[in-house]
Amino acid sequence: AIAQGQADGAFRSDRSPIELALAIWSGVHGAVSLIQAKFHGEKTMNGVRITPEVMVGSTLAFLLDGITTRS
């Protein structure tokens, strides 16, 4: 899917599909690990309440920003 996204011009092509896949996998794995460890709930960072939705949303946003092409 990543190689196809690169061929379609949606994903950056200056890195291999394997590198992008590992970055995505690592980021998602980290977010899921924090959720499973209950690193959320009453905790806040700079006044923002940490919830599973915030963790997953921010992880996906930054991952997608990092793998998509720049216009």
N, C-alpha and C. Protein backbone atom coordinates (compact mmCIF):
# COMPACT_ATOMS: atom_id res chain seq x y z
N ALA A 1 0.83 -1.19 0.00
CA ALA A 1 0.00 0.00 0.00
C ALA A 1 0.88 1.26 0.00
N ILE A 2 1.97 1.22 0.73
CA ILE A 2 2.86 2.38 0.76
C ILE A 2 3.54 2.57 -0.58
N ALA A 3 4.01 1.49 -1.18
CA ALA A 3 4.65 1.59 -2.50
C ALA A 3 3.66 2.14 -3.52
N GLN A 4 2.42 1.72 -3.44
CA GLN A 4 1.39 2.24 -4.36
C GLN A 4 1.16 3.73 -4.10
N GLY A 5 1.11 4.11 -2.83
CA GLY A 5 0.96 5.53 -2.49
C GLY A 5 2.13 6.36 -3.01
N GLN A 6 3.33 5.79 -2.97
CA GLN A 6 4.49 6.49 -3.53
C GLN A 6 4.36 6.61 -5.05
N ALA A 7 3.94 5.53 -5.70
CA ALA A 7 3.77 5.55 -7.15
C ALA A 7 2.69 6.54 -7.57
N ASP A 8 1.67 6.69 -6.76
CA ASP A 8 0.58 7.63 -7.05
C ASP A 8 0.94 9.07 -6.70
N GLY A 9 2.08 9.26 -6.02
CA GLY A 9 2.50 10.60 -5.64
C GLY A 9 1.91 11.10 -4.34
N ALA A 10 1.20 10.24 -3.60
CA ALA A 10 0.58 10.65 -2.34
C ALA A 10 1.59 10.61 -1.19
N PHE A 11 2.52 9.67 -1.24
CA PHE A 11 3.51 9.52 -0.18
C PHE A 11 4.89 9.92 -0.71
N ARG A 12 5.71 10.42 0.18
CA ARG A 12 7.05 10.83 -0.20
C ARG A 12 7.83 9.64 -0.74
N SER A 13 8.69 9.92 -1.69
CA SER A 13 9.43 8.84 -2.34
C SER A 13 10.93 8.92 -2.07
N ASP A 14 11.35 9.81 -1.17
CA ASP A 14 12.77 9.91 -0.85
C ASP A 14 13.20 8.88 0.19
N ARG A 15 12.27 8.08 0.64
CA ARG A 15 12.54 6.98 1.57
C ARG A 15 11.92 5.71 1.01
N SER A 16 12.46 4.58 1.42
CA SER A 16 11.92 3.31 0.93
C SER A 16 10.57 3.02 1.59
N PRO A 17 9.74 2.22 0.92
CA PRO A 17 8.46 1.83 1.53
C PRO A 17 8.67 1.14 2.88
N ILE A 18 9.75 0.39 3.01
CA ILE A 18 10.04 -0.30 4.27
C ILE A 18 10.30 0.72 5.38
N GLU A 19 11.07 1.78 5.09
CA GLU A 19 11.34 2.80 6.10
C GLU A 19 10.05 3.48 6.55
N LEU A 20 9.18 3.81 5.60
CA LEU A 20 7.91 4.44 5.96
C LEU A 20 7.04 3.49 6.77
N ALA A 21 7.00 2.22 6.36
CA ALA A 21 6.20 1.23 7.10
C ALA A 21 6.70 1.08 8.53
N LEU A 22 8.01 1.05 8.71
CA LEU A 22 8.57 0.92 10.06
C LEU A 22 8.27 2.14 10.91
N ALA A 23 8.30 3.32 10.32
CA ALA A 23 7.98 4.54 11.06
C ALA A 23 6.51 4.52 11.50
N ILE A 24 5.63 4.12 10.59
CA ILE A 24 4.20 4.04 10.92
C ILE A 24 3.97 3.00 12.01
N TRP A 25 4.53 1.84 11.80
CA TRP A 25 4.36 0.74 12.75
C TRP A 25 4.86 1.14 14.14
N SER A 26 6.04 1.75 14.19
CA SER A 26 6.62 2.16 15.47
C SER A 26 5.76 3.20 16.17
N GLY A 27 5.29 4.19 15.42
CA GLY A 27 4.46 5.23 16.02
C GLY A 27 3.15 4.69 16.56
N VAL A 28 2.49 3.87 15.78
CA VAL A 28 1.22 3.29 16.22
C VAL A 28 1.44 2.34 17.39
N HIS A 29 2.49 1.55 17.31
CA HIS A 29 2.80 0.63 18.40
C HIS A 29 3.05 1.40 19.70
N GLY A 30 3.77 2.50 19.61
CA GLY A 30 4.03 3.32 20.79
C GLY A 30 2.76 3.87 21.41
N ALA A 31 1.86 4.38 20.57
CA ALA A 31 0.60 4.93 21.07
C ALA A 31 -0.23 3.83 21.74
N VAL A 32 -0.32 2.68 21.09
CA VAL A 32 -1.09 1.57 21.64
C VAL A 32 -0.47 1.08 22.95
N SER A 33 0.85 1.02 23.01
CA SER A 33 1.52 0.59 24.24
C SER A 33 1.22 1.54 25.39
N LEU A 34 1.22 2.85 25.11
CA LEU A 34 0.90 3.83 26.15
C LEU A 34 -0.55 3.69 26.61
N ILE A 35 -1.44 3.43 25.66
CA ILE A 35 -2.86 3.25 26.02
C ILE A 35 -3.02 2.00 26.88
N GLN A 36 -2.38 0.91 26.48
CA GLN A 36 -2.48 -0.33 27.26
C GLN A 36 -1.87 -0.18 28.65
N ALA A 37 -0.85 0.68 28.78
CA ALA A 37 -0.21 0.92 30.08
C ALA A 37 -1.00 1.92 30.91
N LYS A 38 -2.16 2.33 30.38
CA LYS A 38 -3.05 3.28 31.08
C LYS A 38 -2.39 4.65 31.29
N PHE A 39 -1.56 5.06 30.32
CA PHE A 39 -0.95 6.38 30.39
C PHE A 39 -1.92 7.40 29.81
N HIS A 40 -3.04 7.52 30.47
CA HIS A 40 -4.07 8.47 30.05
C HIS A 40 -5.04 8.64 31.20
N GLY A 41 -6.11 9.35 30.97
CA GLY A 41 -7.10 9.54 32.02
C GLY A 41 -6.97 10.90 32.65
N GLU A 42 -6.48 10.92 33.88
CA GLU A 42 -6.38 12.18 34.61
C GLU A 42 -5.10 12.94 34.28
N LYS A 43 -4.23 12.35 33.50
CA LYS A 43 -2.96 13.00 33.19
C LYS A 43 -3.17 14.11 32.15
N THR A 44 -2.36 15.17 32.29
CA THR A 44 -2.40 16.26 31.33
C THR A 44 -0.98 16.62 30.92
N MET A 45 -0.86 17.21 29.75
CA MET A 45 0.40 17.77 29.27
C MET A 45 0.10 19.17 28.79
N ASN A 46 0.72 20.15 29.42
CA ASN A 46 0.48 21.55 29.08
C ASN A 46 -1.00 21.89 29.06
N GLY A 47 -1.74 21.34 30.01
CA GLY A 47 -3.15 21.64 30.14
C GLY A 47 -4.08 20.82 29.26
N VAL A 48 -3.53 19.97 28.39
CA VAL A 48 -4.35 19.13 27.52
C VAL A 48 -4.52 17.77 28.19
N ARG A 49 -5.77 17.37 28.39
CA ARG A 49 -6.05 16.07 29.00
C ARG A 49 -5.66 14.96 28.03
N ILE A 50 -4.89 14.01 28.49
CA ILE A 50 -4.43 12.92 27.65
C ILE A 50 -5.48 11.82 27.65
N THR A 51 -6.03 11.55 26.50
CA THR A 51 -7.00 10.47 26.32
C THR A 51 -6.49 9.55 25.21
N PRO A 52 -7.01 8.33 25.12
CA PRO A 52 -6.63 7.48 24.00
C PRO A 52 -6.90 8.15 22.65
N GLU A 53 -7.99 8.89 22.56
CA GLU A 53 -8.33 9.55 21.30
C GLU A 53 -7.29 10.62 20.94
N VAL A 54 -6.84 11.37 21.96
CA VAL A 54 -5.81 12.38 21.72
C VAL A 54 -4.51 11.72 21.27
N MET A 55 -4.13 10.63 21.95
CA MET A 55 -2.89 9.94 21.59
C MET A 55 -2.94 9.40 20.16
N VAL A 56 -4.02 8.70 19.83
CA VAL A 56 -4.13 8.12 18.49
C VAL A 56 -4.26 9.22 17.44
N GLY A 57 -5.07 10.23 17.72
CA GLY A 57 -5.25 11.31 16.75
C GLY A 57 -3.96 12.06 16.46
N SER A 58 -3.22 12.39 17.50
CA SER A 58 -1.97 13.13 17.27
C SER A 58 -0.92 12.25 16.62
N THR A 59 -0.85 10.98 17.00
CA THR A 59 0.10 10.07 16.38
C THR A 59 -0.18 9.93 14.90
N LEU A 60 -1.43 9.69 14.54
CA LEU A 60 -1.78 9.53 13.12
C LEU A 60 -1.56 10.82 12.34
N ALA A 61 -1.90 11.96 12.93
CA ALA A 61 -1.71 13.24 12.23
C ALA A 61 -0.24 13.47 11.92
N PHE A 62 0.62 13.25 12.89
CA PHE A 62 2.05 13.47 12.66
C PHE A 62 2.65 12.42 11.73
N LEU A 63 2.20 11.18 11.83
CA LEU A 63 2.70 10.16 10.92
C LEU A 63 2.29 10.47 9.48
N LEU A 64 1.04 10.82 9.29
CA LEU A 64 0.58 11.13 7.94
C LEU A 64 1.27 12.37 7.38
N ASP A 65 1.49 13.34 8.24
CA ASP A 65 2.21 14.54 7.79
C ASP A 65 3.63 14.19 7.38
N GLY A 66 4.23 13.26 8.08
CA GLY A 66 5.61 12.87 7.78
C GLY A 66 5.78 12.02 6.54
N ILE A 67 4.74 11.30 6.14
CA ILE A 67 4.89 10.42 4.98
C ILE A 67 4.29 10.98 3.70
N THR A 68 3.47 12.02 3.82
CA THR A 68 2.85 12.56 2.60
C THR A 68 3.80 13.51 1.90
N THR A 69 3.54 13.68 0.61
CA THR A 69 4.38 14.58 -0.18
C THR A 69 4.11 16.02 0.19
N ARG A 70 5.08 16.85 -0.01
CA ARG A 70 4.95 18.28 0.24
C ARG A 70 4.59 18.98 -1.06
N SER A 71 3.66 19.93 -0.96
CA SER A 71 3.32 20.65 -2.19
C SER A 71 3.94 22.02 -2.22
